[in-house]
Amino acid sequence: MVMVFREIYLKGVVPSMIRRGNKLYELKIPRNNKCNEVIFRDSYNLCPVALGKLIGAFGLQVTEKQFFPHLANIPENYGRTLQQLPLKY
């Protein structure tokens, strides 16, 4: 977000900001004759819970992420057809 602000500022546009300390939550670029109003929001800073707890925090009904054998993703296995996924390591 800071890098976005820098580029906008270097173009001569001064956006309105919502920030607390060093954290920048929102940049708002006002509407002008060249473009509409643009709002940048940093949702990572706005969310008060850890990523792993989002499902419980919002009461979402989701299925558990399935296992993917990332360690089996090596050049020797490229192009191979497996009967089943490798076991969990």
PDB file of N, CA and C in Angstrom:
ATOM      1  N   MET A   1       0.833  -1.175   0.000  1.00  0.00           N
ATOM      2  CA  MET A   1       0.000   0.000   0.000  1.00  0.00           C
ATOM      3  C   MET A   1       0.883   1.245   0.000  1.00  0.00           C
ATOM      4  N   VAL A   2       1.986   1.205   0.707  1.00  0.00           N
ATOM      5  CA  VAL A   2       2.885   2.355   0.759  1.00  0.00           C
ATOM      6  C   VAL A   2       3.485   2.616  -0.617  1.00  0.00           C
ATOM      7  N   MET A   3       3.789   1.548  -1.348  1.00  0.00           N
ATOM      8  CA  MET A   3       4.346   1.719  -2.691  1.00  0.00           C
ATOM      9  C   MET A   3       3.306   2.310  -3.637  1.00  0.00           C
ATOM     10  N   VAL A   4       2.046   1.929  -3.475  1.00  0.00           N
ATOM     11  CA  VAL A   4       0.967   2.512  -4.273  1.00  0.00           C
ATOM     12  C   VAL A   4       0.853   3.999  -3.959  1.00  0.00           C
ATOM     13  N   PHE A   5       0.876   4.333  -2.674  1.00  0.00           N
ATOM     14  CA  PHE A   5       0.806   5.737  -2.268  1.00  0.00           C
ATOM     15  C   PHE A   5       1.944   6.542  -2.883  1.00  0.00           C
ATOM     16  N   ARG A   6       3.141   5.989  -2.846  1.00  0.00           N
ATOM     17  CA  ARG A   6       4.301   6.698  -3.390  1.00  0.00           C
ATOM     18  C   ARG A   6       4.103   7.019  -4.867  1.00  0.00           C
ATOM     19  N   GLU A   7       3.664   6.033  -5.651  1.00  0.00           N
ATOM     20  CA  GLU A   7       3.463   6.249  -7.084  1.00  0.00           C
ATOM     21  C   GLU A   7       2.372   7.286  -7.348  1.00  0.00           C
ATOM     22  N   ILE A   8       1.308   7.216  -6.586  1.00  0.00           N
ATOM     23  CA  ILE A   8       0.220   8.189  -6.744  1.00  0.00           C
ATOM     24  C   ILE A   8       0.722   9.590  -6.406  1.00  0.00           C
ATOM     25  N   TYR A   9       1.462   9.698  -5.318  1.00  0.00           N
ATOM     26  CA  TYR A   9       1.977  10.993  -4.873  1.00  0.00           C
ATOM     27  C   TYR A   9       2.962  11.578  -5.886  1.00  0.00           C
ATOM     28  N   LEU A  10       3.810  10.717  -6.472  1.00  0.00           N
ATOM     29  CA  LEU A  10       4.769  11.189  -7.472  1.00  0.00           C
ATOM     30  C   LEU A  10       4.081  11.691  -8.739  1.00  0.00           C
ATOM     31  N   LYS A  11       2.851  11.236  -8.984  1.00  0.00           N
ATOM     32  CA  LYS A  11       2.071  11.716 -10.135  1.00  0.00           C
ATOM     33  C   LYS A  11       1.394  13.052  -9.840  1.00  0.00           C
ATOM     34  N   GLY A  12       1.555  13.563  -8.626  1.00  0.00           N
ATOM     35  CA  GLY A  12       0.984  14.850  -8.266  1.00  0.00           C
ATOM     36  C   GLY A  12      -0.400  14.780  -7.653  1.00  0.00           C
ATOM     37  N   VAL A  13      -0.848  13.576  -7.315  1.00  0.00           N
ATOM     38  CA  VAL A  13      -2.164  13.397  -6.702  1.00  0.00           C
ATOM     39  C   VAL A  13      -1.969  13.164  -5.209  1.00  0.00           C
ATOM     40  N   VAL A  14      -2.710  13.899  -4.395  1.00  0.00           N
ATOM     41  CA  VAL A  14      -2.629  13.720  -2.943  1.00  0.00           C
ATOM     42  C   VAL A  14      -3.928  13.063  -2.485  1.00  0.00           C
ATOM     43  N   PRO A  15      -3.890  11.751  -2.201  1.00  0.00           N
ATOM     44  CA  PRO A  15      -5.107  11.061  -1.779  1.00  0.00           C
ATOM     45  C   PRO A  15      -5.427  11.330  -0.315  1.00  0.00           C
ATOM     46  N   SER A  16      -6.700  11.149   0.037  1.00  0.00           N
ATOM     47  CA  SER A  16      -7.042  11.183   1.459  1.00  0.00           C
ATOM     48  C   SER A  16      -6.700   9.814   2.031  1.00  0.00           C
ATOM     49  N   MET A  17      -6.290   9.787   3.285  1.00  0.00           N
ATOM     50  CA  MET A  17      -5.816   8.541   3.886  1.00  0.00           C
ATOM     51  C   MET A  17      -6.507   8.271   5.209  1.00  0.00           C
ATOM     52  N   ILE A  18      -6.677   6.996   5.491  1.00  0.00           N
ATOM     53  CA  ILE A  18      -7.075   6.556   6.824  1.00  0.00           C
ATOM     54  C   ILE A  18      -5.910   5.722   7.327  1.00  0.00           C
ATOM     55  N   ARG A  19      -5.314   6.164   8.416  1.00  0.00           N
ATOM     56  CA  ARG A  19      -4.154   5.459   8.948  1.00  0.00           C
ATOM     57  C   ARG A  19      -4.114   5.583  10.460  1.00  0.00           C
ATOM     58  N   ARG A  20      -3.369   4.693  11.062  1.00  0.00           N
ATOM     59  CA  ARG A  20      -3.126   4.742  12.503  1.00  0.00           C
ATOM     60  C   ARG A  20      -1.662   4.371  12.708  1.00  0.00           C
ATOM     61  N   GLY A  21      -0.894   5.314  13.194  1.00  0.00           N
ATOM     62  CA  GLY A  21       0.540   5.078  13.331  1.00  0.00           C
ATOM     63  C   GLY A  21       1.157   4.853  11.963  1.00  0.00           C
ATOM     64  N   ASN A  22       1.893   3.763  11.831  1.00  0.00           N
ATOM     65  CA  ASN A  22       2.519   3.433  10.554  1.00  0.00           C
ATOM     66  C   ASN A  22       1.632   2.576   9.658  1.00  0.00           C
ATOM     67  N   LYS A  23       0.466   2.195  10.129  1.00  0.00           N
ATOM     68  CA  LYS A  23      -0.429   1.348   9.332  1.00  0.00           C
ATOM     69  C   LYS A  23      -1.342   2.203   8.470  1.00  0.00           C
ATOM     70  N   LEU A  24      -1.377   1.878   7.195  1.00  0.00           N
ATOM     71  CA  LEU A  24      -2.197   2.596   6.233  1.00  0.00           C
ATOM     72  C   LEU A  24      -3.366   1.692   5.862  1.00  0.00           C
ATOM     73  N   TYR A  25      -4.586   2.108   6.189  1.00  0.00           N
ATOM     74  CA  TYR A  25      -5.769   1.290   5.970  1.00  0.00           C
ATOM     75  C   TYR A  25      -6.473   1.592   4.652  1.00  0.00           C
ATOM     76  N   GLU A  26      -6.486   2.869   4.248  1.00  0.00           N
ATOM     77  CA  GLU A  26      -7.232   3.232   3.047  1.00  0.00           C
ATOM     78  C   GLU A  26      -6.633   4.464   2.383  1.00  0.00           C
ATOM     79  N   LEU A  27      -6.581   4.414   1.049  1.00  0.00           N
ATOM     80  CA  LEU A  27      -6.233   5.576   0.230  1.00  0.00           C
ATOM     81  C   LEU A  27      -7.431   5.872  -0.649  1.00  0.00           C
ATOM     82  N   LYS A  28      -7.843   7.114  -0.698  1.00  0.00           N
ATOM     83  CA  LYS A  28      -8.975   7.490  -1.543  1.00  0.00           C
ATOM     84  C   LYS A  28      -8.528   8.602  -2.482  1.00  0.00           C
ATOM     85  N   ILE A  29      -8.592   8.309  -3.785  1.00  0.00           N
ATOM     86  CA  ILE A  29      -8.235   9.288  -4.804  1.00  0.00           C
ATOM     87  C   ILE A  29      -9.530   9.907  -5.298  1.00  0.00           C
ATOM     88  N   PRO A  30      -9.670  11.223  -5.173  1.00  0.00           N
ATOM     89  CA  PRO A  30     -10.935  11.857  -5.563  1.00  0.00           C
ATOM     90  C   PRO A  30     -11.177  11.803  -7.070  1.00  0.00           C
ATOM     91  N   ARG A  31     -12.440  11.888  -7.424  1.00  0.00           N
ATOM     92  CA  ARG A  31     -12.847  11.888  -8.831  1.00  0.00           C
ATOM     93  C   ARG A  31     -12.377  13.185  -9.485  1.00  0.00           C
ATOM     94  N   ASN A  32     -11.910  13.062 -10.718  1.00  0.00           N
ATOM     95  CA  ASN A  32     -11.559  14.253 -11.489  1.00  0.00           C
ATOM     96  C   ASN A  32     -12.026  14.057 -12.926  1.00  0.00           C
ATOM     97  N   ASN A  33     -11.642  14.966 -13.815  1.00  0.00           N
ATOM     98  CA  ASN A  33     -12.124  14.859 -15.193  1.00  0.00           C
ATOM     99  C   ASN A  33     -11.476  13.718 -15.970  1.00  0.00           C
ATOM    100  N   LYS A  34     -10.400  13.117 -15.443  1.00  0.00           N
ATOM    101  CA  LYS A  34      -9.726  12.018 -16.134  1.00  0.00           C
ATOM    102  C   LYS A  34     -10.166  10.638 -15.653  1.00  0.00           C
ATOM    103  N   CYS A  35     -10.564  10.520 -14.389  1.00  0.00           N
ATOM    104  CA  CYS A  35     -10.955   9.201 -13.875  1.00  0.00           C
ATOM    105  C   CYS A  35     -11.949   9.341 -12.727  1.00  0.00           C
ATOM    106  N   ASN A  36     -12.620   8.240 -12.441  1.00  0.00           N
ATOM    107  CA  ASN A  36     -13.562   8.186 -11.319  1.00  0.00           C
ATOM    108  C   ASN A  36     -12.803   8.068 -10.003  1.00  0.00           C
ATOM    109  N   GLU A  37     -13.545   8.139  -8.909  1.00  0.00           N
ATOM    110  CA  GLU A  37     -12.942   7.965  -7.591  1.00  0.00           C
ATOM    111  C   GLU A  37     -12.391   6.547  -7.473  1.00  0.00           C
ATOM    112  N   VAL A  38     -11.198   6.430  -6.912  1.00  0.00           N
ATOM    113  CA  VAL A  38     -10.559   5.128  -6.715  1.00  0.00           C
ATOM    114  C   VAL A  38     -10.236   4.991  -5.233  1.00  0.00           C
ATOM    115  N   ILE A  39     -10.580   3.820  -4.676  1.00  0.00           N
ATOM    116  CA  ILE A  39     -10.317   3.564  -3.258  1.00  0.00           C
ATOM    117  C   ILE A  39      -9.463   2.304  -3.142  1.00  0.00           C
ATOM    118  N   PHE A  40      -8.352   2.409  -2.436  1.00  0.00           N
ATOM    119  CA  PHE A  40      -7.495   1.265  -2.132  1.00  0.00           C
ATOM    120  C   PHE A  40      -7.674   0.953  -0.654  1.00  0.00           C
ATOM    121  N   ARG A  41      -8.043  -0.290  -0.335  1.00  0.00           N
ATOM    122  CA  ARG A  41      -8.182  -0.702   1.068  1.00  0.00           C
ATOM    123  C   ARG A  41      -7.260  -1.885   1.336  1.00  0.00           C
ATOM    124  N   ASP A  42      -6.576  -1.837   2.450  1.00  0.00           N
ATOM    125  CA  ASP A  42      -5.702  -2.928   2.849  1.00  0.00           C
ATOM    126  C   ASP A  42      -6.493  -3.860   3.753  1.00  0.00           C
ATOM    127  N   SER A  43      -7.099  -4.871   3.172  1.00  0.00           N
ATOM    128  CA  SER A  43      -7.964  -5.769   3.938  1.00  0.00           C
ATOM    129  C   SER A  43      -7.177  -6.582   4.960  1.00  0.00           C
ATOM    130  N   TYR A  44      -5.892  -6.782   4.729  1.00  0.00           N
ATOM    131  CA  TYR A  44      -5.081  -7.514   5.700  1.00  0.00           C
ATOM    132  C   TYR A  44      -5.022  -6.749   7.021  1.00  0.00           C
ATOM    133  N   ASN A  45      -4.863  -5.449   6.955  1.00  0.00           N
ATOM    134  CA  ASN A  45      -4.832  -4.633   8.176  1.00  0.00           C
ATOM    135  C   ASN A  45      -6.216  -4.442   8.780  1.00  0.00           C
ATOM    136  N   LEU A  46      -7.260  -4.495   7.962  1.00  0.00           N
ATOM    137  CA  LEU A  46      -8.616  -4.281   8.466  1.00  0.00           C
ATOM    138  C   LEU A  46      -9.170  -5.492   9.213  1.00  0.00           C
ATOM    139  N   CYS A  47      -8.690  -6.675   8.877  1.00  0.00           N
ATOM    140  CA  CYS A  47      -9.220  -7.904   9.473  1.00  0.00           C
ATOM    141  C   CYS A  47      -8.567  -8.138  10.841  1.00  0.00           C
ATOM    142  N   PRO A  48      -9.353  -8.219  11.907  1.00  0.00           N
ATOM    143  CA  PRO A  48      -8.782  -8.297  13.248  1.00  0.00           C
ATOM    144  C   PRO A  48      -8.375  -9.701  13.706  1.00  0.00           C
ATOM    145  N   VAL A  49      -8.567 -10.725  12.875  1.00  0.00           N
ATOM    146  CA  VAL A  49      -8.250 -12.086  13.312  1.00  0.00           C
ATOM    147  C   VAL A  49      -7.192 -12.709  12.411  1.00  0.00           C
ATOM    148  N   ALA A  50      -6.558 -13.749  12.912  1.00  0.00           N
ATOM    149  CA  ALA A  50      -5.561 -14.474  12.132  1.00  0.00           C
ATOM    150  C   ALA A  50      -6.235 -15.209  10.977  1.00  0.00           C
ATOM    151  N   LEU A  51      -5.495 -15.443   9.925  1.00  0.00           N
ATOM    152  CA  LEU A  51      -6.032 -16.090   8.736  1.00  0.00           C
ATOM    153  C   LEU A  51      -6.629 -17.462   9.048  1.00  0.00           C
ATOM    154  N   GLY A  52      -5.992 -18.220   9.910  1.00  0.00           N
ATOM    155  CA  GLY A  52      -6.482 -19.542  10.263  1.00  0.00           C
ATOM    156  C   GLY A  52      -7.793 -19.534  11.036  1.00  0.00           C
ATOM    157  N   LYS A  53      -8.162 -18.393  11.611  1.00  0.00           N
ATOM    158  CA  LYS A  53      -9.386 -18.304  12.408  1.00  0.00           C
ATOM    159  C   LYS A  53     -10.528 -17.599  11.678  1.00  0.00           C
ATOM    160  N   LEU A  54     -10.336 -17.269  10.403  1.00  0.00           N
ATOM    161  CA  LEU A  54     -11.372 -16.559   9.653  1.00  0.00           C
ATOM    162  C   LEU A  54     -12.658 -17.365   9.520  1.00  0.00           C
ATOM    163  N   ILE A  55     -12.542 -18.660   9.299  1.00  0.00           N
ATOM    164  CA  ILE A  55     -13.726 -19.501   9.111  1.00  0.00           C
ATOM    165  C   ILE A  55     -14.614 -19.446  10.344  1.00  0.00           C
ATOM    166  N   GLY A  56     -14.027 -19.607  11.518  1.00  0.00           N
ATOM    167  CA  GLY A  56     -14.803 -19.551  12.750  1.00  0.00           C
ATOM    168  C   GLY A  56     -15.318 -18.158  13.069  1.00  0.00           C
ATOM    169  N   ALA A  57     -14.525 -17.142  12.754  1.00  0.00           N
ATOM    170  CA  ALA A  57     -14.913 -15.772  13.071  1.00  0.00           C
ATOM    171  C   ALA A  57     -16.140 -15.327  12.289  1.00  0.00           C
ATOM    172  N   PHE A  58     -16.276 -15.806  11.067  1.00  0.00           N
ATOM    173  CA  PHE A  58     -17.405 -15.408  10.237  1.00  0.00           C
ATOM    174  C   PHE A  58     -18.471 -16.491  10.129  1.00  0.00           C
ATOM    175  N   GLY A  59     -18.292 -17.606  10.833  1.00  0.00           N
ATOM    176  CA  GLY A  59     -19.281 -18.679  10.820  1.00  0.00           C
ATOM    177  C   GLY A  59     -19.485 -19.288   9.445  1.00  0.00           C
ATOM    178  N   LEU A  60     -18.410 -19.454   8.699  1.00  0.00           N
ATOM    179  CA  LEU A  60     -18.512 -19.981   7.339  1.00  0.00           C
ATOM    180  C   LEU A  60     -18.637 -21.495   7.340  1.00  0.00           C
ATOM    181  N   GLN A  61     -19.396 -22.009   6.410  1.00  0.00           N
ATOM    182  CA  GLN A  61     -19.542 -23.451   6.228  1.00  0.00           C
ATOM    183  C   GLN A  61     -18.688 -23.856   5.029  1.00  0.00           C
ATOM    184  N   VAL A  62     -17.466 -24.289   5.279  1.00  0.00           N
ATOM    185  CA  VAL A  62     -16.565 -24.679   4.196  1.00  0.00           C
ATOM    186  C   VAL A  62     -15.990 -26.056   4.489  1.00  0.00           C
ATOM    187  N   THR A  63     -15.610 -26.742   3.434  1.00  0.00           N
ATOM    188  CA  THR A  63     -14.976 -28.043   3.606  1.00  0.00           C
ATOM    189  C   THR A  63     -13.482 -27.838   3.838  1.00  0.00           C
ATOM    190  N   GLU A  64     -12.897 -28.781   4.519  1.00  0.00           N
ATOM    191  CA  GLU A  64     -11.474 -28.710   4.819  1.00  0.00           C
ATOM    192  C   GLU A  64     -10.673 -28.815   3.525  1.00  0.00           C
ATOM    193  N   LYS A  65      -9.576 -28.104   3.452  1.00  0.00           N
ATOM    194  CA  LYS A  65      -8.714 -28.128   2.272  1.00  0.00           C
ATOM    195  C   LYS A  65      -8.157 -29.535   2.095  1.00  0.00           C
ATOM    196  N   GLN A  66      -8.222 -30.034   0.875  1.00  0.00           N
ATOM    197  CA  GLN A  66      -7.746 -31.384   0.601  1.00  0.00           C
ATOM    198  C   GLN A  66      -6.225 -31.425   0.572  1.00  0.00           C
ATOM    199  N   PHE A  67      -5.692 -32.626   0.795  1.00  0.00           N
ATOM    200  CA  PHE A  67      -4.248 -32.837   0.790  1.00  0.00           C
ATOM    201  C   PHE A  67      -3.716 -32.776  -0.635  1.00  0.00           C
ATOM    202  N   PHE A  68      -2.614 -32.081  -0.829  1.00  0.00           N
ATOM    203  CA  PHE A  68      -1.908 -32.082  -2.108  1.00  0.00           C
ATOM    204  C   PHE A  68      -0.458 -32.444  -1.835  1.00  0.00           C
ATOM    205  N   PRO A  69       0.084 -33.438  -2.539  1.00  0.00           N
ATOM    206  CA  PRO A  69       1.454 -33.895  -2.267  1.00  0.00           C
ATOM    207  C   PRO A  69       2.510 -32.969  -2.881  1.00  0.00           C
ATOM    208  N   HIS A  70       2.733 -31.831  -2.275  1.00  0.00           N
ATOM    209  CA  HIS A  70       3.692 -30.867  -2.820  1.00  0.00           C
ATOM    210  C   HIS A  70       5.102 -31.444  -2.913  1.00  0.00           C
ATOM    211  N   LEU A  71       5.483 -32.291  -1.960  1.00  0.00           N
ATOM    212  CA  LEU A  71       6.837 -32.856  -1.979  1.00  0.00           C
ATOM    213  C   LEU A  71       7.033 -33.852  -3.119  1.00  0.00           C
ATOM    214  N   ALA A  72       5.950 -34.359  -3.696  1.00  0.00           N
ATOM    215  CA  ALA A  72       6.052 -35.269  -4.840  1.00  0.00           C
ATOM    216  C   ALA A  72       6.119 -34.503  -6.157  1.00  0.00           C
ATOM    217  N   ASN A  73       6.009 -33.197  -6.108  1.00  0.00           N
ATOM    218  CA  ASN A  73       6.060 -32.365  -7.311  1.00  0.00           C
ATOM    219  C   ASN A  73       7.521 -32.085  -7.660  1.00  0.00           C
ATOM    220  N   ILE A  74       8.173 -33.099  -8.229  1.00  0.00           N
ATOM    221  CA  ILE A  74       9.586 -33.016  -8.603  1.00  0.00           C
ATOM    222  C   ILE A  74       9.732 -33.433 -10.063  1.00  0.00           C
ATOM    223  N   PRO A  75      10.815 -33.027 -10.730  1.00  0.00           N
ATOM    224  CA  PRO A  75      10.976 -33.340 -12.154  1.00  0.00           C
ATOM    225  C   PRO A  75      10.857 -34.824 -12.489  1.00  0.00           C
ATOM    226  N   GLU A  76      11.291 -35.709 -11.607  1.00  0.00           N
ATOM    227  CA  GLU A  76      11.209 -37.149 -11.888  1.00  0.00           C
ATOM    228  C   GLU A  76       9.758 -37.618 -12.032  1.00  0.00           C
ATOM    229  N   ASN A  77       8.827 -36.909 -11.416  1.00  0.00           N
ATOM    230  CA  ASN A  77       7.417 -37.307 -11.472  1.00  0.00           C
ATOM    231  C   ASN A  77       6.629 -36.595 -12.565  1.00  0.00           C
ATOM    232  N   TYR A  78       7.247 -35.651 -13.275  1.00  0.00           N
ATOM    233  CA  TYR A  78       6.534 -34.931 -14.327  1.00  0.00           C
ATOM    234  C   TYR A  78       6.126 -35.904 -15.428  1.00  0.00           C
ATOM    235  N   GLY A  79       4.915 -35.827 -15.869  1.00  0.00           N
ATOM    236  CA  GLY A  79       4.417 -36.674 -16.950  1.00  0.00           C
ATOM    237  C   GLY A  79       3.974 -38.058 -16.503  1.00  0.00           C
ATOM    238  N   ARG A  80       4.142 -38.396 -15.241  1.00  0.00           N
ATOM    239  CA  ARG A  80       3.717 -39.705 -14.736  1.00  0.00           C
ATOM    240  C   ARG A  80       2.239 -39.679 -14.410  1.00  0.00           C
ATOM    241  N   THR A  81       1.572 -40.783 -14.662  1.00  0.00           N
ATOM    242  CA  THR A  81       0.179 -40.944 -14.263  1.00  0.00           C
ATOM    243  C   THR A  81       0.155 -41.886 -13.069  1.00  0.00           C
ATOM    244  N   LEU A  82      -0.367 -41.407 -11.961  1.00  0.00           N
ATOM    245  CA  LEU A  82      -0.409 -42.200 -10.734  1.00  0.00           C
ATOM    246  C   LEU A  82      -1.781 -42.828 -10.553  1.00  0.00           C
ATOM    247  N   GLN A  83      -1.819 -44.030  -9.988  1.00  0.00           N
ATOM    248  CA  GLN A  83      -3.084 -44.692  -9.692  1.00  0.00           C
ATOM    249  C   GLN A  83      -3.800 -43.990  -8.540  1.00  0.00           C
ATOM    250  N   GLN A  84      -3.014 -43.462  -7.608  1.00  0.00           N
ATOM    251  CA  GLN A  84      -3.562 -42.728  -6.467  1.00  0.00           C
ATOM    252  C   GLN A  84      -2.525 -41.713  -6.007  1.00  0.00           C
ATOM    253  N   LEU A  85      -2.951 -40.779  -5.181  1.00  0.00           N
ATOM    254  CA  LEU A  85      -2.022 -39.789  -4.658  1.00  0.00           C
ATOM    255  C   LEU A  85      -1.018 -40.446  -3.720  1.00  0.00           C
ATOM    256  N   PRO A  86       0.212 -39.935  -3.666  1.00  0.00           N
ATOM    257  CA  PRO A  86       1.181 -40.463  -2.705  1.00  0.00           C
ATOM    258  C   PRO A  86       0.685 -40.248  -1.276  1.00  0.00           C
ATOM    259  N   LEU A  87       1.203 -41.041  -0.357  1.00  0.00           N
ATOM    260  CA  LEU A  87       0.833 -40.900   1.045  1.00  0.00           C
ATOM    261  C   LEU A  87       1.356 -39.584   1.591  1.00  0.00           C
ATOM    262  N   LYS A  88       0.712 -39.112   2.668  1.00  0.00           N
ATOM    263  CA  LYS A  88       1.186 -37.892   3.320  1.00  0.00           C
ATOM    264  C   LYS A  88       2.553 -38.156   3.918  1.00  0.00           C
ATOM    265  N   TYR A  89       3.417 -37.169   3.830  1.00  0.00           N
ATOM    266  CA  TYR A  89       4.785 -37.326   4.342  1.00  0.00           C
ATOM    267  C   TYR A  89       4.844 -37.009   5.798  1.00  0.00           C
TER     268      TYR A  89
END
